N, C-alpha and C. Protein backbone atom coordinates (compact mmCIF):
# COMPACT_ATOMS: atom_id res chain seq x y z
N MET A 1 9.07 -106.17 -106.45
CA MET A 1 8.46 -105.16 -105.63
C MET A 1 9.53 -104.23 -104.90
N ILE A 2 8.73 -103.30 -104.60
CA ILE A 2 9.57 -102.27 -104.45
C ILE A 2 9.54 -101.67 -102.52
N CYS A 3 10.31 -101.86 -101.97
CA CYS A 3 9.93 -101.90 -100.26
C CYS A 3 10.46 -100.28 -99.95
N HIS A 4 9.60 -100.05 -99.50
CA HIS A 4 9.97 -98.41 -98.83
C HIS A 4 10.44 -98.83 -97.09
N LYS A 5 11.58 -98.38 -97.12
CA LYS A 5 12.10 -98.41 -95.45
C LYS A 5 11.81 -97.21 -94.80
N LYS A 6 11.26 -97.21 -93.93
CA LYS A 6 10.90 -95.61 -93.19
C LYS A 6 12.02 -95.89 -92.17
N THR A 7 12.88 -94.77 -92.10
CA THR A 7 13.76 -94.60 -91.11
C THR A 7 12.97 -93.43 -89.85
N VAL A 8 13.35 -94.00 -89.19
CA VAL A 8 13.12 -93.14 -87.82
C VAL A 8 14.21 -92.64 -87.20
N ARG A 9 14.37 -91.36 -86.99
CA ARG A 9 15.52 -90.37 -86.16
C ARG A 9 15.19 -90.70 -85.09
N ASN A 10 15.93 -90.90 -84.36
CA ASN A 10 16.07 -90.74 -82.79
C ASN A 10 16.21 -89.32 -82.42
N VAL A 11 15.26 -88.74 -82.26
CA VAL A 11 15.60 -87.12 -81.99
C VAL A 11 15.31 -87.05 -80.43
N ARG A 12 16.36 -86.53 -80.05
CA ARG A 12 16.46 -86.71 -78.22
C ARG A 12 16.16 -84.84 -78.11
N ALA A 13 15.10 -84.59 -77.30
CA ALA A 13 14.13 -83.54 -76.74
C ALA A 13 13.52 -83.77 -75.60
N PHE A 14 13.52 -82.38 -74.91
CA PHE A 14 12.93 -82.14 -73.69
C PHE A 14 11.52 -82.16 -73.74
N THR A 15 10.76 -82.92 -72.94
CA THR A 15 9.23 -82.33 -73.00
C THR A 15 9.11 -81.45 -72.20
N LEU A 16 7.85 -81.09 -72.27
CA LEU A 16 7.45 -79.43 -71.37
C LEU A 16 7.70 -80.43 -69.95
N ILE A 17 7.36 -81.29 -69.68
CA ILE A 17 7.13 -81.93 -68.04
C ILE A 17 8.68 -81.72 -67.26
N GLU A 18 9.61 -82.47 -68.26
CA GLU A 18 10.91 -82.59 -67.88
C GLU A 18 11.60 -81.45 -67.84
N LEU A 19 11.45 -80.40 -68.60
CA LEU A 19 11.72 -78.68 -68.64
C LEU A 19 11.00 -77.98 -67.30
N LEU A 20 9.60 -78.44 -67.12
CA LEU A 20 9.06 -78.05 -65.70
C LEU A 20 9.54 -78.36 -64.48
N VAL A 21 10.10 -79.66 -64.56
CA VAL A 21 11.12 -80.27 -63.90
C VAL A 21 12.32 -79.86 -63.29
N VAL A 22 12.89 -79.55 -64.15
CA VAL A 22 14.22 -79.45 -64.12
C VAL A 22 14.14 -77.68 -63.55
N ILE A 23 13.17 -76.96 -64.20
CA ILE A 23 13.35 -75.44 -63.47
C ILE A 23 12.95 -75.60 -62.09
N LEU A 24 11.75 -76.44 -61.61
CA LEU A 24 11.37 -76.47 -60.27
C LEU A 24 12.79 -76.83 -59.34
N ALA A 25 13.29 -77.64 -59.92
CA ALA A 25 14.70 -78.25 -58.99
C ALA A 25 15.86 -77.31 -58.87
N LEU A 26 16.04 -76.44 -60.22
CA LEU A 26 17.18 -75.36 -59.85
C LEU A 26 16.26 -73.99 -58.98
N SER A 27 15.05 -74.06 -58.96
CA SER A 27 14.47 -73.00 -58.02
C SER A 27 14.65 -73.35 -56.72
N ALA A 28 14.34 -74.53 -56.30
CA ALA A 28 14.59 -75.10 -54.74
C ALA A 28 15.88 -74.88 -54.52
N VAL A 29 17.07 -75.35 -55.46
CA VAL A 29 18.48 -75.02 -55.17
C VAL A 29 18.83 -73.70 -54.76
N SER A 30 18.12 -72.45 -55.80
CA SER A 30 18.34 -71.36 -55.67
C SER A 30 17.85 -70.78 -54.22
N LEU A 31 16.70 -71.02 -54.13
CA LEU A 31 16.29 -70.65 -52.32
C LEU A 31 16.65 -71.11 -51.69
N THR A 32 17.60 -72.42 -51.32
CA THR A 32 18.01 -73.26 -50.46
C THR A 32 19.36 -72.19 -50.34
N LEU A 33 20.46 -72.02 -51.29
CA LEU A 33 21.43 -70.99 -51.35
C LEU A 33 21.35 -69.57 -50.86
N TYR A 34 20.40 -69.11 -51.45
CA TYR A 34 19.86 -67.96 -50.76
C TYR A 34 19.71 -68.02 -49.44
N GLY A 35 18.89 -68.72 -48.96
CA GLY A 35 18.58 -69.07 -47.50
C GLY A 35 19.88 -69.19 -46.76
N VAL A 36 21.03 -69.70 -47.17
CA VAL A 36 22.36 -70.33 -46.42
C VAL A 36 22.99 -68.95 -46.73
N LEU A 37 23.29 -68.42 -47.46
CA LEU A 37 23.85 -67.17 -47.90
C LEU A 37 23.29 -65.97 -46.51
N ASN A 38 22.02 -65.72 -46.81
CA ASN A 38 21.31 -64.65 -46.37
C ASN A 38 21.59 -65.20 -44.31
N SER A 39 21.80 -66.45 -44.24
CA SER A 39 21.55 -66.82 -42.76
C SER A 39 23.59 -66.37 -42.64
N GLY A 40 24.36 -66.79 -43.40
CA GLY A 40 25.66 -66.62 -43.19
C GLY A 40 25.76 -64.85 -42.85
N ILE A 41 25.14 -64.12 -43.67
CA ILE A 41 25.45 -62.68 -44.06
C ILE A 41 25.18 -62.16 -42.24
N LYS A 42 23.83 -62.73 -41.94
CA LYS A 42 23.37 -62.06 -40.26
C LYS A 42 24.20 -62.56 -39.44
N ILE A 43 24.55 -63.98 -39.36
CA ILE A 43 25.81 -64.26 -38.44
C ILE A 43 26.91 -63.59 -38.12
N TRP A 44 27.44 -63.31 -39.63
CA TRP A 44 28.54 -62.39 -39.26
C TRP A 44 28.47 -60.89 -38.81
N ARG A 45 27.38 -60.49 -39.31
CA ARG A 45 27.34 -59.32 -38.56
C ARG A 45 26.95 -59.21 -37.29
N VAL A 46 26.20 -60.29 -36.69
CA VAL A 46 26.25 -60.42 -35.24
C VAL A 46 27.85 -60.58 -34.55
N VAL A 47 28.54 -61.29 -35.38
CA VAL A 47 30.05 -61.55 -34.24
C VAL A 47 30.66 -60.30 -34.43
N ASN A 48 30.66 -59.64 -35.94
CA ASN A 48 31.47 -58.35 -36.17
C ASN A 48 30.75 -57.10 -35.56
N GLN A 49 29.80 -56.98 -35.11
CA GLN A 49 29.51 -55.53 -34.72
C GLN A 49 30.00 -55.61 -33.26
N ALA A 50 30.28 -54.30 -32.78
CA ALA A 50 30.94 -53.80 -31.39
C ALA A 50 30.04 -54.09 -30.53
N ILE A 51 30.56 -54.83 -29.36
CA ILE A 51 29.75 -55.34 -28.25
C ILE A 51 30.04 -54.40 -27.15
N PRO A 52 29.02 -52.98 -26.74
CA PRO A 52 29.53 -52.36 -25.71
C PRO A 52 30.31 -53.05 -24.28
N GLU A 53 29.60 -53.88 -23.82
CA GLU A 53 29.96 -54.62 -22.54
C GLU A 53 31.60 -55.05 -22.92
N GLU A 54 31.79 -55.55 -24.08
CA GLU A 54 33.00 -55.92 -24.24
C GLU A 54 34.10 -55.07 -24.27
N GLU A 55 33.90 -53.87 -24.67
CA GLU A 55 34.40 -52.75 -25.18
C GLU A 55 34.53 -52.13 -23.81
N VAL A 56 33.62 -52.17 -22.81
CA VAL A 56 34.16 -51.48 -21.36
C VAL A 56 34.72 -52.35 -20.73
N ASN A 57 34.87 -53.61 -20.82
CA ASN A 57 35.90 -54.44 -20.13
C ASN A 57 37.00 -54.30 -20.40
N ILE A 58 37.55 -54.53 -21.65
CA ILE A 58 38.73 -53.78 -22.54
C ILE A 58 39.05 -53.01 -21.89
N PHE A 59 38.56 -51.81 -21.78
CA PHE A 59 38.79 -50.29 -21.54
C PHE A 59 39.21 -50.61 -19.90
N LEU A 60 38.31 -51.15 -18.85
CA LEU A 60 38.41 -51.42 -17.66
C LEU A 60 39.95 -51.88 -17.28
N GLU A 61 40.14 -52.99 -18.00
CA GLU A 61 41.43 -53.99 -17.68
C GLU A 61 42.67 -52.83 -17.95
N LYS A 62 42.57 -52.54 -19.09
CA LYS A 62 43.60 -51.76 -19.61
C LYS A 62 43.72 -50.14 -18.42
N PHE A 63 42.85 -49.69 -18.13
CA PHE A 63 42.88 -48.76 -17.23
C PHE A 63 43.15 -49.00 -15.92
N THR A 64 42.94 -50.24 -15.44
CA THR A 64 43.46 -50.76 -14.31
C THR A 64 44.90 -51.04 -14.32
N SER A 65 45.47 -51.58 -15.26
CA SER A 65 46.60 -51.70 -15.26
C SER A 65 47.43 -50.38 -15.23
N GLU A 66 46.95 -49.14 -16.17
CA GLU A 66 47.63 -48.00 -15.79
C GLU A 66 47.89 -47.20 -14.40
N VAL A 67 46.60 -47.65 -13.72
CA VAL A 67 46.16 -46.81 -12.43
C VAL A 67 46.96 -47.73 -11.44
N ARG A 68 47.37 -48.92 -11.37
CA ARG A 68 47.94 -49.52 -10.61
C ARG A 68 49.24 -49.65 -10.75
N ASN A 69 49.82 -49.21 -12.11
CA ASN A 69 51.24 -48.78 -11.96
C ASN A 69 51.59 -47.13 -12.19
N SER A 70 50.81 -46.52 -11.72
CA SER A 70 50.73 -45.10 -11.42
C SER A 70 51.82 -44.70 -9.96
N PHE A 71 52.64 -43.59 -10.06
CA PHE A 71 53.77 -43.19 -9.17
C PHE A 71 53.79 -42.15 -8.79
N ASN A 72 54.03 -41.43 -7.68
CA ASN A 72 54.60 -40.08 -7.62
C ASN A 72 56.05 -39.77 -8.46
N PHE A 73 55.66 -38.87 -9.63
CA PHE A 73 57.04 -38.31 -10.01
C PHE A 73 56.92 -36.96 -10.44
N ASN A 74 58.12 -36.44 -10.06
CA ASN A 74 58.56 -34.98 -10.14
C ASN A 74 58.09 -34.52 -11.54
N GLY A 75 57.25 -33.25 -11.37
CA GLY A 75 56.74 -32.72 -12.85
C GLY A 75 55.58 -33.36 -13.35
N ILE A 76 55.11 -34.28 -12.83
CA ILE A 76 53.85 -34.82 -13.38
C ILE A 76 52.71 -35.00 -12.02
N ASP A 77 52.01 -34.03 -11.88
CA ASP A 77 50.85 -34.27 -10.57
C ASP A 77 49.93 -35.31 -10.91
N PHE A 78 49.51 -35.92 -9.89
CA PHE A 78 48.24 -36.49 -9.97
C PHE A 78 46.92 -35.49 -10.04
N LEU A 79 46.22 -35.41 -11.17
CA LEU A 79 45.24 -34.55 -11.44
C LEU A 79 43.91 -34.90 -11.55
N GLY A 80 43.31 -35.15 -10.90
CA GLY A 80 41.68 -35.86 -10.83
C GLY A 80 40.86 -35.05 -10.62
N LYS A 81 39.48 -35.22 -11.59
CA LYS A 81 38.27 -33.91 -11.27
C LYS A 81 37.38 -35.31 -11.61
N THR A 82 36.06 -34.88 -11.69
CA THR A 82 34.68 -35.69 -11.83
C THR A 82 34.73 -36.49 -13.31
N GLU A 83 35.09 -35.55 -14.26
CA GLU A 83 35.04 -36.24 -15.66
C GLU A 83 36.28 -36.43 -16.81
N ASP A 84 37.77 -35.64 -15.51
CA ASP A 84 39.11 -35.74 -16.01
C ASP A 84 39.79 -36.62 -15.43
N LEU A 85 41.02 -37.08 -15.79
CA LEU A 85 42.18 -37.68 -14.73
C LEU A 85 43.35 -37.74 -15.32
N GLU A 86 44.48 -37.36 -14.94
CA GLU A 86 45.95 -37.52 -15.27
C GLU A 86 46.77 -37.82 -14.16
N PHE A 87 47.78 -38.76 -14.37
CA PHE A 87 48.37 -39.36 -13.76
C PHE A 87 50.00 -39.74 -14.50
N ALA A 88 51.19 -39.94 -13.48
CA ALA A 88 52.52 -40.27 -14.38
C ALA A 88 52.06 -42.31 -14.21
N THR A 89 52.57 -42.69 -14.77
CA THR A 89 52.37 -44.27 -14.94
C THR A 89 53.62 -44.66 -16.34
N LEU A 90 53.48 -45.70 -16.29
CA LEU A 90 54.34 -46.38 -17.46
C LEU A 90 53.35 -46.74 -18.69
N VAL A 91 54.37 -45.77 -19.75
CA VAL A 91 53.68 -45.85 -21.02
C VAL A 91 54.72 -46.54 -21.78
N ALA A 92 54.03 -46.93 -23.07
CA ALA A 92 54.86 -47.34 -24.63
C ALA A 92 55.29 -46.45 -24.98
N SER A 93 56.76 -45.93 -24.76
CA SER A 93 57.13 -44.84 -26.22
C SER A 93 57.76 -45.62 -27.25
N GLN A 94 57.13 -44.95 -28.34
CA GLN A 94 57.37 -45.02 -29.53
C GLN A 94 58.94 -44.42 -30.16
N ARG A 95 58.65 -43.41 -29.24
CA ARG A 95 60.59 -42.76 -29.80
C ARG A 95 61.56 -43.85 -29.08
N LEU A 96 61.00 -44.72 -27.88
CA LEU A 96 62.57 -45.39 -27.03
C LEU A 96 62.08 -46.68 -27.40
N GLY A 97 61.07 -47.46 -27.93
CA GLY A 97 60.54 -48.59 -28.03
C GLY A 97 60.58 -49.70 -27.10
N LEU A 98 60.48 -48.98 -25.95
CA LEU A 98 60.26 -49.66 -24.86
C LEU A 98 58.92 -48.83 -23.83
N ARG A 99 58.63 -49.19 -22.62
CA ARG A 99 58.32 -48.70 -21.85
C ARG A 99 58.91 -47.85 -21.05
N SER A 100 58.48 -46.53 -20.76
CA SER A 100 59.04 -45.63 -19.69
C SER A 100 58.26 -44.87 -18.87
N ALA A 101 58.62 -43.86 -18.35
CA ALA A 101 57.86 -42.87 -17.40
C ALA A 101 57.28 -42.14 -18.47
N GLY A 102 55.90 -41.73 -18.03
CA GLY A 102 55.04 -41.03 -18.76
C GLY A 102 53.89 -40.35 -18.14
N LYS A 103 53.08 -39.89 -18.99
CA LYS A 103 51.70 -39.37 -18.30
C LYS A 103 50.74 -39.82 -19.03
N VAL A 104 49.48 -40.11 -18.41
CA VAL A 104 48.13 -40.76 -19.21
C VAL A 104 47.21 -39.45 -18.68
N LYS A 105 46.32 -39.40 -19.76
CA LYS A 105 45.59 -38.15 -19.58
C LYS A 105 43.95 -38.60 -20.07
N TYR A 106 42.97 -38.90 -19.15
CA TYR A 106 41.68 -39.52 -19.94
C TYR A 106 40.96 -37.95 -19.78
N SER A 107 40.09 -38.02 -20.82
CA SER A 107 38.68 -36.69 -20.78
C SER A 107 37.55 -37.26 -21.24
N TYR A 108 36.68 -37.09 -20.21
CA TYR A 108 35.07 -37.39 -21.11
C TYR A 108 34.54 -36.03 -21.63
N ASP A 109 33.99 -36.51 -22.98
CA ASP A 109 33.63 -35.27 -23.79
C ASP A 109 32.05 -35.66 -23.54
N SER A 110 31.24 -34.66 -23.00
CA SER A 110 29.54 -34.87 -22.47
C SER A 110 29.27 -34.78 -23.96
N ILE A 111 29.61 -33.99 -25.07
CA ILE A 111 28.68 -33.57 -26.24
C ILE A 111 28.72 -34.78 -26.98
N ASP A 112 30.08 -35.17 -27.36
CA ASP A 112 30.24 -36.17 -28.34
C ASP A 112 29.89 -37.58 -27.71
N LYS A 113 29.95 -37.59 -26.29
CA LYS A 113 29.77 -38.89 -25.75
C LYS A 113 30.93 -39.73 -25.82
N VAL A 114 32.00 -39.26 -25.67
CA VAL A 114 33.17 -40.30 -25.86
C VAL A 114 34.42 -39.89 -24.77
N LEU A 115 35.08 -41.05 -24.23
CA LEU A 115 36.19 -40.93 -23.07
C LEU A 115 37.19 -40.95 -24.16
N ARG A 116 38.33 -40.12 -24.28
CA ARG A 116 39.36 -39.98 -24.88
C ARG A 116 40.33 -40.01 -24.08
N LYS A 117 41.66 -40.83 -24.61
CA LYS A 117 42.89 -40.80 -23.33
C LYS A 117 44.07 -40.36 -24.70
N THR A 118 44.85 -39.91 -23.98
CA THR A 118 46.15 -38.97 -24.61
C THR A 118 47.41 -39.36 -23.60
N GLN A 119 48.24 -40.14 -24.51
CA GLN A 119 49.26 -40.53 -23.71
C GLN A 119 50.77 -39.97 -24.14
N TYR A 120 51.25 -39.57 -23.13
CA TYR A 120 52.72 -38.79 -23.16
C TYR A 120 53.74 -39.92 -22.62
N ASP A 121 54.78 -39.95 -23.64
CA ASP A 121 55.97 -40.43 -22.84
C ASP A 121 57.09 -39.39 -22.28
N PHE A 122 57.88 -39.37 -21.81
CA PHE A 122 58.80 -38.48 -20.94
C PHE A 122 59.06 -37.26 -21.66
N ALA A 123 59.64 -37.56 -23.05
CA ALA A 123 60.17 -36.63 -23.81
C ALA A 123 58.94 -35.66 -24.20
N SER A 124 57.58 -35.97 -24.49
CA SER A 124 56.59 -35.33 -24.73
C SER A 124 55.77 -34.34 -23.80
N VAL A 125 55.99 -35.06 -22.57
CA VAL A 125 56.01 -34.30 -21.23
C VAL A 125 56.48 -33.14 -20.97
N LYS A 126 57.65 -33.11 -21.22
CA LYS A 126 58.67 -31.89 -21.09
C LYS A 126 58.82 -31.09 -22.60
N GLY A 127 58.49 -31.72 -23.82
CA GLY A 127 58.10 -30.87 -24.97
C GLY A 127 57.16 -30.13 -25.24
N ALA A 128 57.35 -29.75 -26.48
CA ALA A 128 56.10 -28.89 -26.79
C ALA A 128 55.00 -29.70 -27.64
N ASP A 129 55.47 -30.94 -28.18
CA ASP A 129 54.49 -31.64 -29.05
C ASP A 129 53.56 -32.41 -28.31
N GLU A 130 52.21 -31.98 -28.72
CA GLU A 130 50.89 -32.76 -28.15
C GLU A 130 50.75 -33.98 -28.86
N PRO A 131 50.62 -35.10 -28.21
CA PRO A 131 50.35 -36.22 -28.49
C PRO A 131 48.69 -36.22 -29.19
N ARG A 132 48.41 -37.24 -30.06
CA ARG A 132 46.71 -36.82 -30.60
C ARG A 132 46.09 -37.85 -29.52
N ALA A 133 44.81 -37.49 -28.98
CA ALA A 133 44.17 -37.95 -28.21
C ALA A 133 43.15 -39.39 -28.94
N GLN A 134 43.36 -40.46 -28.72
CA GLN A 134 42.36 -41.54 -29.01
C GLN A 134 41.24 -41.65 -28.27
N ASP A 135 39.78 -42.05 -29.09
CA ASP A 135 38.85 -42.34 -28.06
C ASP A 135 38.76 -44.16 -28.24
N VAL A 136 38.69 -44.14 -26.49
CA VAL A 136 38.32 -45.65 -25.89
C VAL A 136 37.17 -45.85 -25.78
N LEU A 137 36.48 -45.02 -25.64
CA LEU A 137 34.94 -45.65 -25.21
C LEU A 137 34.15 -44.63 -26.15
N ARG A 138 32.89 -45.23 -26.93
CA ARG A 138 31.84 -44.14 -27.09
C ARG A 138 30.53 -44.59 -26.99
N ASN A 139 29.95 -43.90 -26.94
CA ASN A 139 28.08 -44.03 -26.50
C ASN A 139 27.87 -44.06 -25.04
N VAL A 140 29.14 -43.17 -24.41
CA VAL A 140 28.94 -42.89 -22.80
C VAL A 140 28.21 -41.91 -22.44
N ASP A 141 27.26 -42.50 -21.79
CA ASP A 141 25.95 -41.38 -21.60
C ASP A 141 26.48 -40.66 -20.41
N THR A 142 27.06 -41.34 -19.24
CA THR A 142 27.93 -40.58 -17.93
C THR A 142 28.79 -41.34 -17.83
N LEU A 143 29.87 -40.43 -17.19
CA LEU A 143 30.82 -41.01 -16.78
C LEU A 143 31.75 -40.07 -15.61
N ARG A 144 32.12 -40.90 -14.67
CA ARG A 144 32.58 -40.17 -13.52
C ARG A 144 33.65 -40.87 -12.76
N PHE A 145 34.67 -40.10 -12.16
CA PHE A 145 35.92 -40.78 -11.58
C PHE A 145 35.60 -40.28 -10.07
N MET A 146 36.18 -41.12 -9.19
CA MET A 146 36.20 -40.46 -7.75
C MET A 146 37.39 -40.85 -7.12
N TYR A 147 37.56 -40.60 -6.22
CA TYR A 147 39.25 -40.56 -5.39
C TYR A 147 38.99 -40.90 -3.96
N TYR A 148 39.52 -42.19 -3.60
CA TYR A 148 39.47 -42.25 -2.24
C TYR A 148 40.70 -41.93 -1.06
N VAL A 149 40.76 -40.95 -0.31
CA VAL A 149 41.71 -40.46 -0.02
C VAL A 149 41.77 -40.45 1.67
N TYR A 150 42.89 -39.84 2.31
CA TYR A 150 43.05 -39.83 3.95
C TYR A 150 42.79 -38.14 4.07
N ASP A 151 41.88 -37.86 4.98
CA ASP A 151 42.11 -36.74 5.50
C ASP A 151 42.32 -36.32 6.47
N LYS A 152 43.80 -35.92 6.20
CA LYS A 152 44.75 -35.59 7.70
C LYS A 152 44.11 -34.85 8.58
N GLN A 153 43.17 -33.62 8.52
CA GLN A 153 42.45 -32.93 9.37
C GLN A 153 41.42 -33.82 9.90
N MET A 154 40.66 -34.24 9.31
CA MET A 154 39.52 -34.88 9.78
C MET A 154 39.70 -36.29 10.30
N LYS A 155 40.86 -36.51 10.03
CA LYS A 155 41.67 -38.14 10.20
C LYS A 155 40.47 -39.32 9.67
N THR A 156 39.95 -39.07 8.56
CA THR A 156 38.91 -39.87 8.27
C THR A 156 39.08 -40.28 6.90
N TYR A 157 38.98 -41.36 6.35
CA TYR A 157 38.85 -41.96 4.77
C TYR A 157 37.52 -41.83 4.00
N GLU A 158 37.86 -41.04 3.10
CA GLU A 158 36.18 -40.46 2.60
C GLU A 158 36.69 -40.64 0.83
N TRP A 159 35.48 -40.98 0.08
CA TRP A 159 35.66 -40.73 -1.47
C TRP A 159 35.46 -39.21 -1.88
N LYS A 160 36.18 -38.79 -2.70
CA LYS A 160 36.00 -37.28 -3.06
C LYS A 160 35.85 -37.16 -4.66
N ASP A 161 35.46 -36.10 -5.01
CA ASP A 161 35.11 -36.25 -6.50
C ASP A 161 36.38 -35.09 -7.31
N GLU A 162 37.07 -34.84 -6.09
CA GLU A 162 38.41 -34.14 -6.74
C GLU A 162 39.69 -34.63 -6.23
N ARG A 163 40.54 -34.73 -6.95
CA ARG A 163 42.18 -34.78 -6.04
C ARG A 163 43.31 -33.99 -7.03
N LEU A 164 43.47 -32.93 -6.56
CA LEU A 164 44.28 -32.32 -7.34
C LEU A 164 45.42 -31.95 -6.40
N GLY A 165 46.54 -32.87 -6.78
CA GLY A 165 48.13 -32.76 -6.41
C GLY A 165 47.89 -33.29 -4.79
N GLY A 166 48.80 -33.35 -4.02
CA GLY A 166 49.06 -33.74 -2.81
C GLY A 166 49.47 -35.32 -2.80
N GLY A 167 49.84 -35.82 -3.97
CA GLY A 167 50.38 -37.20 -4.07
C GLY A 167 48.91 -38.16 -4.82
N LEU A 168 49.29 -39.48 -4.86
CA LEU A 168 48.14 -40.32 -4.99
C LEU A 168 47.45 -40.44 -3.97
N PRO A 169 46.28 -40.90 -4.58
CA PRO A 169 44.76 -41.26 -3.77
C PRO A 169 45.29 -42.85 -3.29
N ILE A 170 44.55 -42.95 -2.36
CA ILE A 170 44.44 -44.57 -2.26
C ILE A 170 43.94 -45.57 -3.23
N ALA A 171 42.94 -44.98 -3.74
CA ALA A 171 42.16 -45.69 -4.69
C ALA A 171 41.27 -44.77 -5.78
N VAL A 172 41.17 -45.29 -7.13
CA VAL A 172 40.48 -44.71 -7.84
C VAL A 172 39.09 -45.45 -8.35
N ARG A 173 38.05 -44.82 -8.24
CA ARG A 173 36.71 -45.66 -8.72
C ARG A 173 36.60 -44.94 -10.23
N VAL A 174 35.77 -45.72 -11.15
CA VAL A 174 35.36 -45.23 -12.23
C VAL A 174 34.22 -45.55 -12.47
N GLU A 175 32.93 -45.02 -12.92
CA GLU A 175 31.70 -45.30 -13.22
C GLU A 175 31.00 -44.76 -14.45
N VAL A 176 30.73 -45.89 -15.25
CA VAL A 176 30.41 -45.66 -16.62
C VAL A 176 29.07 -46.17 -16.75
N GLU A 177 28.27 -45.24 -17.44
CA GLU A 177 27.03 -45.59 -17.97
C GLU A 177 27.01 -45.90 -19.59
N ILE A 178 27.11 -46.77 -20.40
CA ILE A 178 26.81 -46.87 -21.97
C ILE A 178 25.59 -47.04 -22.48
N LYS A 179 25.06 -46.28 -23.56
CA LYS A 179 23.87 -46.25 -23.89
C LYS A 179 24.11 -46.83 -25.33
N TYR A 180 23.28 -47.89 -25.63
CA TYR A 180 23.51 -48.47 -27.21
C TYR A 180 22.15 -49.26 -27.30
N ASN A 181 21.98 -49.01 -28.36
CA ASN A 181 20.46 -49.32 -28.96
C ASN A 181 19.30 -49.21 -27.87
N ASP A 182 19.26 -47.94 -27.15
CA ASP A 182 18.01 -47.56 -26.32
C ASP A 182 18.20 -48.70 -25.20
N LYS A 183 19.56 -49.26 -24.88
CA LYS A 183 19.72 -49.79 -23.65
C LYS A 183 20.67 -49.28 -22.62
N THR A 184 20.43 -49.05 -21.82
CA THR A 184 21.69 -48.22 -20.68
C THR A 184 22.45 -49.37 -19.82
N SER A 185 23.62 -49.53 -19.96
CA SER A 185 24.57 -50.61 -19.06
C SER A 185 25.39 -49.90 -17.84
N SER A 186 25.51 -50.01 -16.97
CA SER A 186 26.60 -49.53 -15.75
C SER A 186 27.52 -50.45 -15.52
N PHE A 187 28.68 -49.87 -15.44
CA PHE A 187 29.98 -50.46 -15.02
C PHE A 187 30.48 -49.76 -13.96
N THR A 188 31.02 -50.29 -12.81
CA THR A 188 32.04 -49.55 -11.84
C THR A 188 33.00 -50.48 -11.74
N LYS A 189 34.17 -49.66 -11.23
CA LYS A 189 35.51 -50.67 -11.14
C LYS A 189 36.26 -49.82 -10.01
N THR A 190 36.52 -50.47 -8.98
CA THR A 190 37.37 -49.55 -8.17
C THR A 190 39.04 -50.01 -7.93
N ILE A 191 40.11 -49.28 -8.23
CA ILE A 191 41.27 -49.81 -8.36
C ILE A 191 42.23 -49.48 -7.22
N GLY A 192 42.37 -49.90 -6.27
CA GLY A 192 43.61 -49.41 -5.76
C GLY A 192 44.95 -49.20 -6.06
N ILE A 193 45.67 -48.49 -5.32
CA ILE A 193 46.98 -48.09 -6.02
C ILE A 193 48.06 -48.38 -4.99
N PRO A 194 48.98 -49.13 -5.14
CA PRO A 194 49.90 -49.97 -4.24
C PRO A 194 50.70 -48.80 -3.60
N VAL A 195 51.62 -47.93 -4.27
CA VAL A 195 52.29 -46.72 -3.94
C VAL A 195 51.70 -45.57 -3.54
N SER A 196 50.31 -45.82 -3.13
CA SER A 196 49.44 -44.66 -2.57
C SER A 196 50.02 -43.84 -0.99
N GLY A 197 50.08 -43.07 -1.02
CA GLY A 197 50.27 -42.55 0.25
C GLY A 197 50.43 -40.85 0.70
């Protein structure tokens, strides 16, 4: 008798249902990863975007330090107008590698809506080279400097829009309005000058 043995091969293959389950699982993982990545990018943008309030507060702290360190210096007059201000103060001198007497000048450009600062060390005040101005505040809608002075004739203290020569004022006030994303924020800082007189 002849016996035929049938050999059954074990063929491993994916069924259609198994293939669909794997595709659905990969789709779910991909959507989850996309959502996490998208959220991470949004958080990164929020954290790294410029916040006008922080920029103004940093400017006001630096400005306060410079104004409080201002002093009367022969050859560098205190010149204050509504949108421009320059005075003698301590500046970081790149030439000398330390802080020295110098001049700081702030000027508001109402066309570009930018407040610019130019810093001169003592050598550049007396020399011909003009340091480059740097932007310290952008999106400035309005800016106004005011000066608290003693009027010797009237024997009164008052705020003025200009202080041209005649020594340091008693205090300087800066009023800034920043417009950012259709929102306007106002800031005011008054700084007393210890060596005024």
